[in-house]
């Protein structure tokens, strides 16, 4: 028979889920920021290379 009264782990599970979601979102945002920085660097390099080719 199921126990009566207060539910056992709901508060801890909710807190854990929230923290894990924060961790995943932080990792996603860091990854997105890193990709954006790399993309900007590549674009800068391409534009610089194009400028140097047009000058020669």
PDB file of N, CA and C in Angstrom:
ATOM      1  N   UNK A   1       0.839  -1.183   0.000  1.00  0.00           N
ATOM      2  CA  UNK A   1       0.000   0.000   0.000  1.00  0.00           C
ATOM      3  C   UNK A   1       0.889   1.253   0.000  1.00  0.00           C
ATOM      4  N   UNK A   2       0.436   2.258  -0.743  1.00  0.00           N
ATOM      5  CA  UNK A   2       1.240   3.483  -0.769  1.00  0.00           C
ATOM      6  C   UNK A   2       1.176   4.219   0.560  1.00  0.00           C
ATOM      7  N   UNK A   3       2.248   4.925   0.826  1.00  0.00           N
ATOM      8  CA  UNK A   3       2.304   5.702   2.061  1.00  0.00           C
ATOM      9  C   UNK A   3       1.383   6.904   1.955  1.00  0.00           C
ATOM     10  N   UNK A   4       0.851   7.307   3.061  1.00  0.00           N
ATOM     11  CA  UNK A   4      -0.010   8.483   3.079  1.00  0.00           C
ATOM     12  C   UNK A   4       0.770   9.648   3.660  1.00  0.00           C
ATOM     13  N   UNK A   5       0.318  10.847   3.376  1.00  0.00           N
ATOM     14  CA  UNK A   5       0.990  12.024   3.925  1.00  0.00           C
ATOM     15  C   UNK A   5       1.767  12.765   2.855  1.00  0.00           C
ATOM     16  N   UNK A   6       2.819  13.377   3.313  1.00  0.00           N
ATOM     17  CA  UNK A   6       3.630  14.246   2.458  1.00  0.00           C
ATOM     18  C   UNK A   6       4.408  13.423   1.424  1.00  0.00           C
ATOM     19  N   UNK A   7       4.500  13.963   0.199  1.00  0.00           N
ATOM     20  CA  UNK A   7       5.291  13.298  -0.828  1.00  0.00           C
ATOM     21  C   UNK A   7       6.763  13.444  -0.490  1.00  0.00           C
ATOM     22  N   UNK A   8       7.546  12.429  -0.832  1.00  0.00           N
ATOM     23  CA  UNK A   8       8.898  12.338  -0.315  1.00  0.00           C
ATOM     24  C   UNK A   8       9.913  13.242  -1.014  1.00  0.00           C
ATOM     25  N   UNK A   9      10.137  13.070  -2.302  1.00  0.00           N
ATOM     26  CA  UNK A   9      11.286  13.709  -2.951  1.00  0.00           C
ATOM     27  C   UNK A   9      10.946  14.835  -3.917  1.00  0.00           C
ATOM     28  N   UNK A  10       9.753  15.330  -3.932  1.00  0.00           N
ATOM     29  CA  UNK A  10       9.380  16.271  -4.986  1.00  0.00           C
ATOM     30  C   UNK A  10      10.186  17.558  -4.922  1.00  0.00           C
ATOM     31  N   UNK A  11      10.474  18.081  -3.747  1.00  0.00           N
ATOM     32  CA  UNK A  11      11.218  19.341  -3.646  1.00  0.00           C
ATOM     33  C   UNK A  11      12.646  19.154  -4.148  1.00  0.00           C
ATOM     34  N   UNK A  12      13.290  18.072  -3.747  1.00  0.00           N
ATOM     35  CA  UNK A  12      14.663  17.833  -4.184  1.00  0.00           C
ATOM     36  C   UNK A  12      14.739  17.573  -5.676  1.00  0.00           C
ATOM     37  N   UNK A  13      13.760  16.842  -6.202  1.00  0.00           N
ATOM     38  CA  UNK A  13      13.761  16.559  -7.637  1.00  0.00           C
ATOM     39  C   UNK A  13      13.579  17.840  -8.435  1.00  0.00           C
ATOM     40  N   UNK A  14      12.697  18.700  -7.968  1.00  0.00           N
ATOM     41  CA  UNK A  14      12.450  19.961  -8.668  1.00  0.00           C
ATOM     42  C   UNK A  14      13.698  20.840  -8.634  1.00  0.00           C
ATOM     43  N   UNK A  15      14.349  20.906  -7.497  1.00  0.00           N
ATOM     44  CA  UNK A  15      15.557  21.717  -7.362  1.00  0.00           C
ATOM     45  C   UNK A  15      16.666  21.163  -8.265  1.00  0.00           C
ATOM     46  N   UNK A  16      16.811  19.861  -8.270  1.00  0.00           N
ATOM     47  CA  UNK A  16      17.826  19.213  -9.092  1.00  0.00           C
ATOM     48  C   UNK A  16      17.561  19.463 -10.577  1.00  0.00           C
ATOM     49  N   UNK A  17      16.315  19.322 -10.985  1.00  0.00           N
ATOM     50  CA  UNK A  17      15.953  19.550 -12.384  1.00  0.00           C
ATOM     51  C   UNK A  17      16.261  20.983 -12.794  1.00  0.00           C
ATOM     52  N   UNK A  18      15.959  21.919 -11.897  1.00  0.00           N
ATOM     53  CA  UNK A  18      16.217  23.324 -12.186  1.00  0.00           C
ATOM     54  C   UNK A  18      17.715  23.573 -12.355  1.00  0.00           C
ATOM     55  N   UNK A  19      18.522  23.013 -11.472  1.00  0.00           N
ATOM     56  CA  UNK A  19      19.964  23.211 -11.546  1.00  0.00           C
ATOM     57  C   UNK A  19      20.563  22.562 -12.790  1.00  0.00           C
ATOM     58  N   UNK A  20      20.089  21.381 -13.136  1.00  0.00           N
ATOM     59  CA  UNK A  20      20.577  20.706 -14.327  1.00  0.00           C
ATOM     60  C   UNK A  20      20.202  21.502 -15.577  1.00  0.00           C
ATOM     61  N   UNK A  21      18.998  22.060 -15.602  1.00  0.00           N
ATOM     62  CA  UNK A  21      18.570  22.880 -16.739  1.00  0.00           C
ATOM     63  C   UNK A  21      19.445  24.122 -16.857  1.00  0.00           C
ATOM     64  N   UNK A  22      19.778  24.748 -15.721  1.00  0.00           N
ATOM     65  CA  UNK A  22      20.658  25.916 -15.739  1.00  0.00           C
ATOM     66  C   UNK A  22      22.026  25.550 -16.307  1.00  0.00           C
ATOM     67  N   UNK A  23      22.527  24.401 -15.888  1.00  0.00           N
ATOM     68  CA  UNK A  23      23.836  23.941 -16.348  1.00  0.00           C
ATOM     69  C   UNK A  23      23.829  23.714 -17.864  1.00  0.00           C
ATOM     70  N   UNK A  24      22.772  23.066 -18.371  1.00  0.00           N
ATOM     71  CA  UNK A  24      22.670  22.815 -19.805  1.00  0.00           C
ATOM     72  C   UNK A  24      22.559  24.123 -20.579  1.00  0.00           C
ATOM     73  N   UNK A  25      21.748  25.065 -20.082  1.00  0.00           N
ATOM     74  CA  UNK A  25      21.575  26.347 -20.764  1.00  0.00           C
ATOM     75  C   UNK A  25      22.875  27.139 -20.781  1.00  0.00           C
ATOM     76  N   UNK A  26      23.632  27.066 -19.686  1.00  0.00           N
ATOM     77  CA  UNK A  26      24.912  27.766 -19.613  1.00  0.00           C
ATOM     78  C   UNK A  26      25.874  27.189 -20.647  1.00  0.00           C
ATOM     79  N   UNK A  27      25.913  25.876 -20.755  1.00  0.00           N
ATOM     80  CA  UNK A  27      26.791  25.228 -21.732  1.00  0.00           C
ATOM     81  C   UNK A  27      26.383  25.596 -23.158  1.00  0.00           C
ATOM     82  N   UNK A  28      25.072  25.635 -23.426  1.00  0.00           N
ATOM     83  CA  UNK A  28      24.588  26.001 -24.757  1.00  0.00           C
ATOM     84  C   UNK A  28      24.977  27.430 -25.101  1.00  0.00           C
ATOM     85  N   UNK A  29      24.814  28.343 -24.144  1.00  0.00           N
ATOM     86  CA  UNK A  29      25.126  29.743 -24.420  1.00  0.00           C
ATOM     87  C   UNK A  29      26.627  29.930 -24.612  1.00  0.00           C
ATOM     88  N   UNK A  30      27.441  29.226 -23.837  1.00  0.00           N
ATOM     89  CA  UNK A  30      28.891  29.318 -24.019  1.00  0.00           C
ATOM     90  C   UNK A  30      29.275  28.802 -25.399  1.00  0.00           C
ATOM     91  N   UNK A  31      28.678  27.713 -25.809  1.00  0.00           N
ATOM     92  CA  UNK A  31      28.966  27.132 -27.113  1.00  0.00           C
ATOM     93  C   UNK A  31      28.561  28.090 -28.226  1.00  0.00           C
ATOM     94  N   UNK A  32      27.395  28.696 -28.090  1.00  0.00           N
ATOM     95  CA  UNK A  32      26.920  29.644 -29.092  1.00  0.00           C
ATOM     96  C   UNK A  32      27.828  30.868 -29.153  1.00  0.00           C
ATOM     97  N   UNK A  33      28.251  31.369 -27.995  1.00  0.00           N
ATOM     98  CA  UNK A  33      29.155  32.521 -27.959  1.00  0.00           C
ATOM     99  C   UNK A  33      30.485  32.187 -28.630  1.00  0.00           C
ATOM    100  N   UNK A  34      30.993  30.994 -28.352  1.00  0.00           N
ATOM    101  CA  UNK A  34      32.258  30.569 -28.933  1.00  0.00           C
ATOM    102  C   UNK A  34      32.147  30.474 -30.455  1.00  0.00           C
ATOM    103  N   UNK A  35      31.042  29.904 -30.936  1.00  0.00           N
ATOM    104  CA  UNK A  35      30.843  29.793 -32.384  1.00  0.00           C
ATOM    105  C   UNK A  35      30.756  31.178 -33.023  1.00  0.00           C
ATOM    106  N   UNK A  36      30.076  32.102 -32.346  1.00  0.00           N
ATOM    107  CA  UNK A  36      29.939  33.456 -32.887  1.00  0.00           C
ATOM    108  C   UNK A  36      31.299  34.146 -32.957  1.00  0.00           C
ATOM    109  N   UNK A  37      32.119  33.980 -31.925  1.00  0.00           N
ATOM    110  CA  UNK A  37      33.451  34.590 -31.921  1.00  0.00           C
ATOM    111  C   UNK A  37      34.310  34.006 -33.038  1.00  0.00           C
ATOM    112  N   UNK A  38      34.274  32.687 -33.186  1.00  0.00           N
ATOM    113  CA  UNK A  38      35.060  32.048 -34.234  1.00  0.00           C
ATOM    114  C   UNK A  38      34.602  32.486 -35.622  1.00  0.00           C
ATOM    115  N   UNK A  39      33.288  32.606 -35.783  1.00  0.00           N
ATOM    116  CA  UNK A  39      32.745  33.046 -37.063  1.00  0.00           C
ATOM    117  C   UNK A  39      33.215  34.465 -37.379  1.00  0.00           C
ATOM    118  N   UNK A  40      33.219  35.341 -36.368  1.00  0.00           N
ATOM    119  CA  UNK A  40      33.677  36.718 -36.558  1.00  0.00           C
ATOM    120  C   UNK A  40      35.155  36.747 -36.929  1.00  0.00           C
ATOM    121  N   UNK A  41      35.951  35.912 -36.288  1.00  0.00           N
ATOM    122  CA  UNK A  41      37.381  35.849 -36.596  1.00  0.00           C
ATOM    123  C   UNK A  41      37.598  35.380 -38.034  1.00  0.00           C
ATOM    124  N   UNK A  42      36.867  34.353 -38.440  1.00  0.00           N
ATOM    125  CA  UNK A  42      36.999  33.834 -39.800  1.00  0.00           C
ATOM    126  C   UNK A  42      36.590  34.892 -40.818  1.00  0.00           C
ATOM    127  N   UNK A  43      35.482  35.573 -40.549  1.00  0.00           N
ATOM    128  CA  UNK A  43      35.027  36.628 -41.468  1.00  0.00           C
ATOM    129  C   UNK A  43      36.062  37.748 -41.561  1.00  0.00           C
ATOM    130  N   UNK A  44      36.641  38.114 -40.423  1.00  0.00           N
ATOM    131  CA  UNK A  44      37.664  39.159 -40.414  1.00  0.00           C
ATOM    132  C   UNK A  44      38.866  38.720 -41.241  1.00  0.00           C
ATOM    133  N   UNK A  45      39.268  37.478 -41.074  1.00  0.00           N
ATOM    134  CA  UNK A  45      40.388  36.948 -41.843  1.00  0.00           C
ATOM    135  C   UNK A  45      40.097  36.928 -43.328  1.00  0.00           C
ATOM    136  N   UNK A  46      38.884  36.530 -43.699  1.00  0.00           N
ATOM    137  CA  UNK A  46      38.511  36.504 -45.110  1.00  0.00           C
ATOM    138  C   UNK A  46      38.517  37.911 -45.706  1.00  0.00           C
ATOM    139  N   UNK A  47      37.965  38.870 -44.952  1.00  0.00           N
ATOM    140  CA  UNK A  47      37.908  40.231 -45.469  1.00  0.00           C
ATOM    141  C   UNK A  47      39.312  40.818 -45.590  1.00  0.00           C
ATOM    142  N   UNK A  48      40.170  40.518 -44.645  1.00  0.00           N
ATOM    143  CA  UNK A  48      41.545  41.023 -44.684  1.00  0.00           C
ATOM    144  C   UNK A  48      42.280  40.411 -45.875  1.00  0.00           C
ATOM    145  N   UNK A  49      42.052  39.114 -46.103  1.00  0.00           N
ATOM    146  CA  UNK A  49      42.696  38.442 -47.219  1.00  0.00           C
ATOM    147  C   UNK A  49      42.195  39.012 -48.547  1.00  0.00           C
ATOM    148  N   UNK A  50      40.909  39.280 -48.622  1.00  0.00           N
ATOM    149  CA  UNK A  50      40.332  39.856 -49.831  1.00  0.00           C
ATOM    150  C   UNK A  50      40.886  41.248 -50.079  1.00  0.00           C
ATOM    151  N   UNK A  51      41.056  42.024 -49.007  1.00  0.00           N
ATOM    152  CA  UNK A  51      41.602  43.371 -49.154  1.00  0.00           C
ATOM    153  C   UNK A  51      43.056  43.329 -49.618  1.00  0.00           C
ATOM    154  N   UNK A  52      43.816  42.397 -49.081  1.00  0.00           N
ATOM    155  CA  UNK A  52      45.218  42.302 -49.475  1.00  0.00           C
ATOM    156  C   UNK A  52      45.364  41.829 -50.912  1.00  0.00           C
ATOM    157  N   UNK A  53      44.444  40.970 -51.366  1.00  0.00           N
ATOM    158  CA  UNK A  53      44.482  40.506 -52.745  1.00  0.00           C
ATOM    159  C   UNK A  53      44.108  41.619 -53.717  1.00  0.00           C
ATOM    160  N   UNK A  54      43.170  42.471 -53.324  1.00  0.00           N
ATOM    161  CA  UNK A  54      42.745  43.541 -54.216  1.00  0.00           C
ATOM    162  C   UNK A  54      43.812  44.637 -54.316  1.00  0.00           C
ATOM    163  N   UNK A  55      44.628  44.793 -53.288  1.00  0.00           N
ATOM    164  CA  UNK A  55      45.696  45.806 -53.321  1.00  0.00           C
ATOM    165  C   UNK A  55      46.839  45.366 -54.220  1.00  0.00           C
ATOM    166  N   UNK A  56      47.093  44.062 -54.295  1.00  0.00           N
ATOM    167  CA  UNK A  56      48.253  43.574 -55.067  1.00  0.00           C
ATOM    168  C   UNK A  56      48.052  43.634 -56.547  1.00  0.00           C
TER     169      UNK A  56
END
